[in-house]
Amino acid sequence: MRGRVMAFAAVAVWSVAILAAQKVTNPEELDKTMKKVGPASQTMGKAAGSGAWADVRTALATMKQGVTDAENFWILNKREDAQKFTKDVLAKIDAAAKLVATDPADAAATTAAVTAIKEIGATCRQCHMVYRAQDANQNYILKPGSIGGGH
C-alpha cells in the first residue's frame, strides 16, 4: 500500500511540474502558444461547417489548453482586460464543448453549436484588437508597447 501511495505522489508531483512548465511567461512563449491556437480555431470552424464534430472536439481541446497556458502571461503582466478576454473565451470554449460532446443530433443543436463556435472567434478578435498586430508577413505578433519592456 505504501508503495502505491509513493508512486501516486510521484506521478502527482510530475504532473504538476509539467502543468507549471506549460504556463506562458514571456512574449515569445505567448507567440508560440497562440500559433497553436490559431490553426486549431481555423480547423474548428471548417470542421463544424462540415459536421466533423470529433475534429471540433479536438480543436476545442487544443484551444482550451493554449488559452489556459497563455492566461498566466496576462496575469504576470497585470492586464486585467486581457484576463477578462481569457476568461470569456475559456467559458465560450467550455460552452461549445458541451454542445458538441456528442454529435449534434438535429438542426437546432447544430445551429447552437455553430453559433457557440462563432462566439469563440468573436471573443478572440476582441483581444486581438487590443493586443495583437500583424507583421509584414501577416503573422500575428504581440502589439509593440502593449506590455512593459518594449514589447
N, C-alpha and C. Protein backbone atom coordinates (compact mmCIF):
# COMPACT_ATOMS: atom_id res chain seq x y z
N MET A 1 0.83 -1.20 0.00
CA MET A 1 0.00 0.00 0.00
C MET A 1 0.87 1.26 0.00
N ARG A 2 1.92 1.23 0.82
CA ARG A 2 2.80 2.40 0.91
C ARG A 2 3.47 2.68 -0.43
N GLY A 3 3.82 1.62 -1.14
CA GLY A 3 4.43 1.78 -2.45
C GLY A 3 3.50 2.45 -3.44
N ARG A 4 2.22 2.10 -3.38
CA ARG A 4 1.23 2.73 -4.27
C ARG A 4 1.07 4.21 -3.95
N VAL A 5 1.05 4.54 -2.67
CA VAL A 5 0.93 5.94 -2.26
C VAL A 5 2.13 6.73 -2.75
N MET A 6 3.31 6.17 -2.61
CA MET A 6 4.53 6.86 -3.06
C MET A 6 4.52 7.03 -4.59
N ALA A 7 4.08 5.99 -5.29
CA ALA A 7 4.03 6.08 -6.74
C ALA A 7 3.01 7.15 -7.16
N PHE A 8 1.86 7.16 -6.50
CA PHE A 8 0.85 8.17 -6.80
C PHE A 8 1.39 9.56 -6.54
N ALA A 9 2.08 9.74 -5.42
CA ALA A 9 2.64 11.05 -5.07
C ALA A 9 3.67 11.48 -6.11
N ALA A 10 4.49 10.55 -6.56
CA ALA A 10 5.50 10.89 -7.57
C ALA A 10 4.84 11.32 -8.88
N VAL A 11 3.79 10.60 -9.29
CA VAL A 11 3.09 10.95 -10.52
C VAL A 11 2.41 12.31 -10.36
N ALA A 12 1.82 12.57 -9.20
CA ALA A 12 1.16 13.85 -8.96
C ALA A 12 2.16 15.00 -9.04
N VAL A 13 3.31 14.85 -8.43
CA VAL A 13 4.34 15.90 -8.47
C VAL A 13 4.81 16.11 -9.91
N TRP A 14 5.03 15.05 -10.63
CA TRP A 14 5.47 15.12 -12.03
C TRP A 14 4.42 15.83 -12.87
N SER A 15 3.14 15.49 -12.66
CA SER A 15 2.06 16.13 -13.41
C SER A 15 1.99 17.62 -13.14
N VAL A 16 2.12 18.00 -11.87
CA VAL A 16 2.10 19.42 -11.52
C VAL A 16 3.28 20.14 -12.15
N ALA A 17 4.43 19.52 -12.17
CA ALA A 17 5.62 20.14 -12.77
C ALA A 17 5.41 20.37 -14.26
N ILE A 18 4.80 19.40 -14.94
CA ILE A 18 4.55 19.56 -16.37
C ILE A 18 3.54 20.68 -16.60
N LEU A 19 2.47 20.70 -15.82
CA LEU A 19 1.47 21.76 -15.99
C LEU A 19 2.07 23.13 -15.74
N ALA A 20 2.89 23.24 -14.71
CA ALA A 20 3.51 24.53 -14.40
C ALA A 20 4.46 24.96 -15.52
N ALA A 21 5.13 24.00 -16.13
CA ALA A 21 6.09 24.31 -17.19
C ALA A 21 5.40 24.83 -18.44
N GLN A 22 4.11 24.56 -18.60
CA GLN A 22 3.40 24.98 -19.80
C GLN A 22 2.89 26.41 -19.71
N LYS A 23 2.93 27.00 -18.54
CA LYS A 23 2.40 28.35 -18.40
C LYS A 23 3.29 29.34 -19.13
N VAL A 24 2.65 30.23 -19.85
CA VAL A 24 3.35 31.23 -20.66
C VAL A 24 3.82 32.36 -19.76
N THR A 25 5.10 32.73 -19.90
CA THR A 25 5.66 33.79 -19.06
C THR A 25 6.26 34.95 -19.84
N ASN A 26 6.46 34.79 -21.14
CA ASN A 26 7.08 35.87 -21.91
C ASN A 26 6.46 35.97 -23.30
N PRO A 27 6.73 37.07 -24.01
CA PRO A 27 6.12 37.26 -25.33
C PRO A 27 6.44 36.15 -26.34
N GLU A 28 7.63 35.59 -26.28
CA GLU A 28 8.00 34.52 -27.21
C GLU A 28 7.14 33.28 -26.98
N GLU A 29 6.93 32.94 -25.70
CA GLU A 29 6.09 31.79 -25.38
C GLU A 29 4.64 32.07 -25.75
N LEU A 30 4.19 33.30 -25.55
CA LEU A 30 2.83 33.67 -25.94
C LEU A 30 2.65 33.48 -27.44
N ASP A 31 3.61 33.96 -28.21
CA ASP A 31 3.54 33.83 -29.66
C ASP A 31 3.49 32.36 -30.07
N LYS A 32 4.34 31.56 -29.48
CA LYS A 32 4.38 30.12 -29.79
C LYS A 32 3.05 29.45 -29.44
N THR A 33 2.50 29.80 -28.31
CA THR A 33 1.23 29.22 -27.87
C THR A 33 0.09 29.65 -28.78
N MET A 34 0.03 30.93 -29.10
CA MET A 34 -1.05 31.42 -29.95
C MET A 34 -0.95 30.86 -31.36
N LYS A 35 0.24 30.52 -31.80
CA LYS A 35 0.41 29.92 -33.13
C LYS A 35 -0.10 28.48 -33.16
N LYS A 36 -0.40 27.91 -32.01
CA LYS A 36 -1.09 26.61 -31.95
C LYS A 36 -2.60 26.83 -31.88
N VAL A 37 -3.00 27.88 -31.18
CA VAL A 37 -4.43 28.17 -31.00
C VAL A 37 -5.06 28.60 -32.33
N GLY A 38 -4.37 29.45 -33.07
CA GLY A 38 -4.91 29.96 -34.34
C GLY A 38 -5.30 28.86 -35.32
N PRO A 39 -4.37 27.95 -35.64
CA PRO A 39 -4.74 26.86 -36.56
C PRO A 39 -5.85 25.96 -36.01
N ALA A 40 -5.86 25.76 -34.70
CA ALA A 40 -6.93 24.95 -34.10
C ALA A 40 -8.28 25.65 -34.30
N SER A 41 -8.29 26.97 -34.19
CA SER A 41 -9.51 27.73 -34.40
C SER A 41 -9.99 27.59 -35.84
N GLN A 42 -9.06 27.67 -36.78
CA GLN A 42 -9.43 27.52 -38.19
C GLN A 42 -9.96 26.12 -38.47
N THR A 43 -9.29 25.12 -37.90
CA THR A 43 -9.74 23.74 -38.05
C THR A 43 -11.13 23.56 -37.48
N MET A 44 -11.35 24.16 -36.31
CA MET A 44 -12.64 24.05 -35.65
C MET A 44 -13.75 24.61 -36.53
N GLY A 45 -13.53 25.78 -37.10
CA GLY A 45 -14.55 26.38 -37.96
C GLY A 45 -14.86 25.55 -39.18
N LYS A 46 -13.83 25.05 -39.84
CA LYS A 46 -14.04 24.21 -41.03
C LYS A 46 -14.71 22.91 -40.67
N ALA A 47 -14.27 22.31 -39.57
CA ALA A 47 -14.85 21.02 -39.15
C ALA A 47 -16.32 21.17 -38.78
N ALA A 48 -16.65 22.27 -38.11
CA ALA A 48 -18.06 22.50 -37.75
C ALA A 48 -18.90 22.66 -39.01
N GLY A 49 -18.37 23.35 -39.99
CA GLY A 49 -19.10 23.56 -41.24
C GLY A 49 -19.38 22.27 -41.98
N SER A 50 -18.51 21.28 -41.80
CA SER A 50 -18.72 20.01 -42.49
C SER A 50 -19.29 18.93 -41.58
N GLY A 51 -19.59 19.29 -40.33
CA GLY A 51 -20.18 18.32 -39.41
C GLY A 51 -19.19 17.31 -38.85
N ALA A 52 -17.91 17.63 -38.90
CA ALA A 52 -16.87 16.73 -38.36
C ALA A 52 -16.67 17.04 -36.87
N TRP A 53 -17.63 16.61 -36.06
CA TRP A 53 -17.68 17.01 -34.66
C TRP A 53 -16.52 16.47 -33.84
N ALA A 54 -15.99 15.32 -34.19
CA ALA A 54 -14.81 14.80 -33.47
C ALA A 54 -13.63 15.75 -33.67
N ASP A 55 -13.48 16.29 -34.89
CA ASP A 55 -12.41 17.25 -35.16
C ASP A 55 -12.65 18.56 -34.40
N VAL A 56 -13.91 18.94 -34.28
CA VAL A 56 -14.24 20.14 -33.50
C VAL A 56 -13.82 19.94 -32.05
N ARG A 57 -14.14 18.77 -31.49
CA ARG A 57 -13.77 18.49 -30.09
C ARG A 57 -12.26 18.54 -29.90
N THR A 58 -11.51 17.98 -30.83
CA THR A 58 -10.05 18.00 -30.74
C THR A 58 -9.53 19.43 -30.81
N ALA A 59 -10.07 20.22 -31.73
CA ALA A 59 -9.63 21.61 -31.88
C ALA A 59 -9.97 22.42 -30.63
N LEU A 60 -11.15 22.20 -30.08
CA LEU A 60 -11.53 22.91 -28.85
C LEU A 60 -10.58 22.57 -27.70
N ALA A 61 -10.19 21.32 -27.60
CA ALA A 61 -9.26 20.91 -26.54
C ALA A 61 -7.91 21.60 -26.72
N THR A 62 -7.43 21.68 -27.96
CA THR A 62 -6.16 22.36 -28.25
C THR A 62 -6.27 23.84 -27.90
N MET A 63 -7.37 24.45 -28.29
CA MET A 63 -7.57 25.86 -28.00
C MET A 63 -7.64 26.11 -26.50
N LYS A 64 -8.38 25.27 -25.80
CA LYS A 64 -8.51 25.45 -24.35
C LYS A 64 -7.16 25.37 -23.67
N GLN A 65 -6.35 24.38 -24.06
CA GLN A 65 -5.04 24.24 -23.44
C GLN A 65 -4.17 25.46 -23.71
N GLY A 66 -4.17 25.94 -24.96
CA GLY A 66 -3.35 27.09 -25.31
C GLY A 66 -3.79 28.36 -24.59
N VAL A 67 -5.09 28.61 -24.55
CA VAL A 67 -5.60 29.82 -23.90
C VAL A 67 -5.35 29.74 -22.39
N THR A 68 -5.53 28.55 -21.83
CA THR A 68 -5.27 28.36 -20.40
C THR A 68 -3.80 28.63 -20.10
N ASP A 69 -2.91 28.12 -20.93
CA ASP A 69 -1.48 28.35 -20.73
C ASP A 69 -1.14 29.83 -20.87
N ALA A 70 -1.76 30.51 -21.83
CA ALA A 70 -1.49 31.93 -22.08
C ALA A 70 -2.03 32.83 -20.99
N GLU A 71 -3.02 32.38 -20.26
CA GLU A 71 -3.64 33.21 -19.22
C GLU A 71 -2.59 33.72 -18.23
N ASN A 72 -1.61 32.89 -17.92
CA ASN A 72 -0.57 33.27 -16.98
C ASN A 72 0.20 34.52 -17.44
N PHE A 73 0.42 34.64 -18.73
CA PHE A 73 1.13 35.80 -19.29
C PHE A 73 0.41 37.09 -18.93
N TRP A 74 -0.91 37.09 -19.06
CA TRP A 74 -1.70 38.29 -18.78
C TRP A 74 -1.75 38.59 -17.29
N ILE A 75 -1.73 37.54 -16.49
CA ILE A 75 -1.69 37.73 -15.04
C ILE A 75 -0.36 38.36 -14.64
N LEU A 76 0.74 37.80 -15.16
CA LEU A 76 2.08 38.33 -14.84
C LEU A 76 2.24 39.78 -15.27
N ASN A 77 1.61 40.13 -16.39
CA ASN A 77 1.73 41.50 -16.92
C ASN A 77 0.61 42.42 -16.46
N LYS A 78 -0.19 41.93 -15.52
CA LYS A 78 -1.24 42.74 -14.88
C LYS A 78 -2.16 43.42 -15.89
N ARG A 79 -2.60 42.66 -16.87
CA ARG A 79 -3.52 43.16 -17.89
C ARG A 79 -4.91 42.58 -17.60
N GLU A 80 -5.67 43.33 -16.82
CA GLU A 80 -6.99 42.85 -16.39
C GLU A 80 -7.94 42.65 -17.56
N ASP A 81 -7.87 43.52 -18.56
CA ASP A 81 -8.77 43.34 -19.70
C ASP A 81 -8.44 42.05 -20.45
N ALA A 82 -7.16 41.75 -20.60
CA ALA A 82 -6.76 40.51 -21.27
C ALA A 82 -7.15 39.29 -20.43
N GLN A 83 -7.07 39.42 -19.12
CA GLN A 83 -7.51 38.32 -18.25
C GLN A 83 -9.00 38.08 -18.43
N LYS A 84 -9.77 39.16 -18.59
CA LYS A 84 -11.21 39.02 -18.82
C LYS A 84 -11.47 38.38 -20.18
N PHE A 85 -10.75 38.81 -21.22
CA PHE A 85 -10.90 38.18 -22.53
C PHE A 85 -10.63 36.68 -22.41
N THR A 86 -9.57 36.34 -21.66
CA THR A 86 -9.19 34.94 -21.50
C THR A 86 -10.31 34.16 -20.82
N LYS A 87 -10.82 34.69 -19.72
CA LYS A 87 -11.90 34.01 -19.01
C LYS A 87 -13.14 33.87 -19.89
N ASP A 88 -13.44 34.91 -20.66
CA ASP A 88 -14.60 34.87 -21.55
C ASP A 88 -14.43 33.79 -22.63
N VAL A 89 -13.26 33.75 -23.24
CA VAL A 89 -13.07 32.76 -24.31
C VAL A 89 -13.05 31.35 -23.73
N LEU A 90 -12.48 31.17 -22.54
CA LEU A 90 -12.50 29.83 -21.92
C LEU A 90 -13.93 29.40 -21.61
N ALA A 91 -14.75 30.32 -21.15
CA ALA A 91 -16.16 29.99 -20.87
C ALA A 91 -16.88 29.61 -22.17
N LYS A 92 -16.57 30.32 -23.25
CA LYS A 92 -17.22 30.02 -24.53
C LYS A 92 -16.71 28.69 -25.10
N ILE A 93 -15.44 28.39 -24.89
CA ILE A 93 -14.91 27.09 -25.31
C ILE A 93 -15.62 25.98 -24.54
N ASP A 94 -15.76 26.16 -23.24
CA ASP A 94 -16.45 25.15 -22.43
C ASP A 94 -17.90 24.97 -22.88
N ALA A 95 -18.58 26.08 -23.16
CA ALA A 95 -19.98 26.00 -23.62
C ALA A 95 -20.07 25.26 -24.95
N ALA A 96 -19.18 25.58 -25.88
CA ALA A 96 -19.18 24.90 -27.18
C ALA A 96 -18.85 23.42 -27.02
N ALA A 97 -17.90 23.11 -26.14
CA ALA A 97 -17.52 21.71 -25.92
C ALA A 97 -18.71 20.90 -25.41
N LYS A 98 -19.52 21.50 -24.55
CA LYS A 98 -20.72 20.80 -24.06
C LYS A 98 -21.70 20.53 -25.20
N LEU A 99 -21.83 21.50 -26.11
CA LEU A 99 -22.76 21.34 -27.22
C LEU A 99 -22.32 20.28 -28.22
N VAL A 100 -21.01 20.04 -28.29
CA VAL A 100 -20.51 19.05 -29.25
C VAL A 100 -19.91 17.83 -28.56
N ALA A 101 -20.23 17.65 -27.28
CA ALA A 101 -19.72 16.48 -26.53
C ALA A 101 -20.12 15.20 -27.25
N THR A 102 -21.29 15.21 -27.81
CA THR A 102 -21.72 14.16 -28.73
C THR A 102 -22.11 14.89 -30.01
N ASP A 103 -22.16 14.18 -31.09
CA ASP A 103 -22.51 14.82 -32.35
C ASP A 103 -23.92 15.40 -32.26
N PRO A 104 -24.08 16.68 -32.62
CA PRO A 104 -25.42 17.27 -32.58
C PRO A 104 -26.40 16.42 -33.41
N ALA A 105 -27.56 16.16 -32.81
CA ALA A 105 -28.50 15.22 -33.41
C ALA A 105 -29.48 15.86 -34.38
N ASP A 106 -29.67 17.17 -34.29
CA ASP A 106 -30.67 17.79 -35.15
C ASP A 106 -30.21 19.18 -35.57
N ALA A 107 -30.99 19.80 -36.42
CA ALA A 107 -30.62 21.10 -36.98
C ALA A 107 -30.49 22.16 -35.88
N ALA A 108 -31.37 22.15 -34.89
CA ALA A 108 -31.31 23.16 -33.83
C ALA A 108 -30.02 23.00 -33.01
N ALA A 109 -29.65 21.77 -32.71
CA ALA A 109 -28.42 21.52 -31.94
C ALA A 109 -27.20 21.92 -32.76
N THR A 110 -27.23 21.63 -34.04
CA THR A 110 -26.12 22.01 -34.92
C THR A 110 -26.00 23.53 -34.99
N THR A 111 -27.11 24.21 -35.14
CA THR A 111 -27.10 25.68 -35.19
C THR A 111 -26.55 26.26 -33.89
N ALA A 112 -26.96 25.71 -32.75
CA ALA A 112 -26.46 26.19 -31.46
C ALA A 112 -24.96 25.98 -31.35
N ALA A 113 -24.47 24.83 -31.81
CA ALA A 113 -23.03 24.55 -31.75
C ALA A 113 -22.25 25.51 -32.65
N VAL A 114 -22.72 25.72 -33.85
CA VAL A 114 -22.04 26.63 -34.78
C VAL A 114 -22.04 28.05 -34.24
N THR A 115 -23.15 28.47 -33.66
CA THR A 115 -23.23 29.81 -33.05
C THR A 115 -22.23 29.94 -31.92
N ALA A 116 -22.13 28.93 -31.07
CA ALA A 116 -21.17 28.95 -29.96
C ALA A 116 -19.74 29.04 -30.47
N ILE A 117 -19.46 28.34 -31.55
CA ILE A 117 -18.12 28.36 -32.14
C ILE A 117 -17.81 29.76 -32.70
N LYS A 118 -18.78 30.39 -33.33
CA LYS A 118 -18.58 31.75 -33.85
C LYS A 118 -18.33 32.74 -32.71
N GLU A 119 -18.99 32.53 -31.57
CA GLU A 119 -18.78 33.40 -30.42
C GLU A 119 -17.36 33.31 -29.89
N ILE A 120 -16.75 32.14 -29.99
CA ILE A 120 -15.35 31.99 -29.57
C ILE A 120 -14.48 32.89 -30.44
N GLY A 121 -14.67 32.81 -31.73
CA GLY A 121 -13.89 33.63 -32.65
C GLY A 121 -14.07 35.12 -32.40
N ALA A 122 -15.29 35.53 -32.10
CA ALA A 122 -15.55 36.95 -31.83
C ALA A 122 -14.82 37.40 -30.57
N THR A 123 -14.79 36.56 -29.57
CA THR A 123 -14.09 36.92 -28.33
C THR A 123 -12.59 36.96 -28.55
N CYS A 124 -12.07 36.04 -29.33
CA CYS A 124 -10.63 36.08 -29.67
C CYS A 124 -10.29 37.39 -30.38
N ARG A 125 -11.14 37.79 -31.31
CA ARG A 125 -10.90 39.03 -32.06
C ARG A 125 -10.87 40.25 -31.14
N GLN A 126 -11.69 40.26 -30.09
CA GLN A 126 -11.67 41.38 -29.16
C GLN A 126 -10.28 41.55 -28.55
N CYS A 127 -9.68 40.46 -28.13
CA CYS A 127 -8.34 40.52 -27.55
C CYS A 127 -7.31 40.91 -28.62
N HIS A 128 -7.47 40.35 -29.81
CA HIS A 128 -6.54 40.67 -30.90
C HIS A 128 -6.56 42.15 -31.23
N MET A 129 -7.73 42.76 -31.17
CA MET A 129 -7.82 44.19 -31.48
C MET A 129 -6.99 45.03 -30.53
N VAL A 130 -6.87 44.57 -29.28
CA VAL A 130 -6.12 45.32 -28.27
C VAL A 130 -4.65 44.91 -28.25
N TYR A 131 -4.36 43.61 -28.36
CA TYR A 131 -3.02 43.11 -28.06
C TYR A 131 -2.26 42.47 -29.21
N ARG A 132 -2.89 42.29 -30.33
CA ARG A 132 -2.19 41.63 -31.43
C ARG A 132 -2.12 42.57 -32.63
N ALA A 133 -1.05 42.40 -33.39
CA ALA A 133 -0.87 43.13 -34.64
C ALA A 133 -0.34 42.13 -35.65
N GLN A 134 -0.28 42.53 -36.90
CA GLN A 134 0.29 41.66 -37.91
C GLN A 134 1.59 42.26 -38.40
N ASP A 135 2.57 41.38 -38.59
CA ASP A 135 3.86 41.84 -39.11
C ASP A 135 3.79 41.94 -40.63
N ALA A 136 4.92 42.21 -41.27
CA ALA A 136 4.97 42.38 -42.72
C ALA A 136 4.52 41.13 -43.47
N ASN A 137 4.65 39.97 -42.83
CA ASN A 137 4.25 38.70 -43.45
C ASN A 137 2.83 38.28 -43.07
N GLN A 138 2.08 39.19 -42.44
CA GLN A 138 0.71 38.95 -42.00
C GLN A 138 0.61 37.91 -40.88
N ASN A 139 1.70 37.70 -40.14
CA ASN A 139 1.69 36.84 -38.97
C ASN A 139 1.32 37.68 -37.76
N TYR A 140 0.51 37.11 -36.87
CA TYR A 140 0.15 37.83 -35.66
C TYR A 140 1.33 37.89 -34.70
N ILE A 141 1.51 39.06 -34.10
CA ILE A 141 2.55 39.29 -33.10
C ILE A 141 1.92 40.09 -31.96
N LEU A 142 2.60 40.12 -30.82
CA LEU A 142 2.16 40.96 -29.72
C LEU A 142 2.37 42.40 -30.13
N LYS A 143 1.35 43.21 -29.98
CA LYS A 143 1.42 44.62 -30.36
C LYS A 143 2.55 45.31 -29.58
N PRO A 144 3.47 45.97 -30.28
CA PRO A 144 4.53 46.70 -29.58
C PRO A 144 3.92 47.69 -28.58
N GLY A 145 4.50 47.72 -27.38
CA GLY A 145 4.06 48.65 -26.35
C GLY A 145 2.88 48.17 -25.53
N SER A 146 2.39 46.96 -25.81
CA SER A 146 1.19 46.52 -25.09
C SER A 146 1.49 45.96 -23.71
N ILE A 147 2.77 45.68 -23.44
CA ILE A 147 3.20 45.33 -22.09
C ILE A 147 4.50 46.09 -21.82
N GLY A 148 4.95 46.11 -20.57
CA GLY A 148 6.21 46.76 -20.24
C GLY A 148 7.39 46.07 -20.91
N GLY A 149 8.51 46.74 -20.98
CA GLY A 149 9.73 46.15 -21.53
C GLY A 149 9.88 46.28 -23.03
N GLY A 150 9.08 47.13 -23.66
CA GLY A 150 9.27 47.42 -25.07
C GLY A 150 8.57 46.46 -26.02
N HIS A 151 7.81 45.50 -25.52
CA HIS A 151 7.08 44.58 -26.41
C HIS A 151 5.75 45.14 -26.76
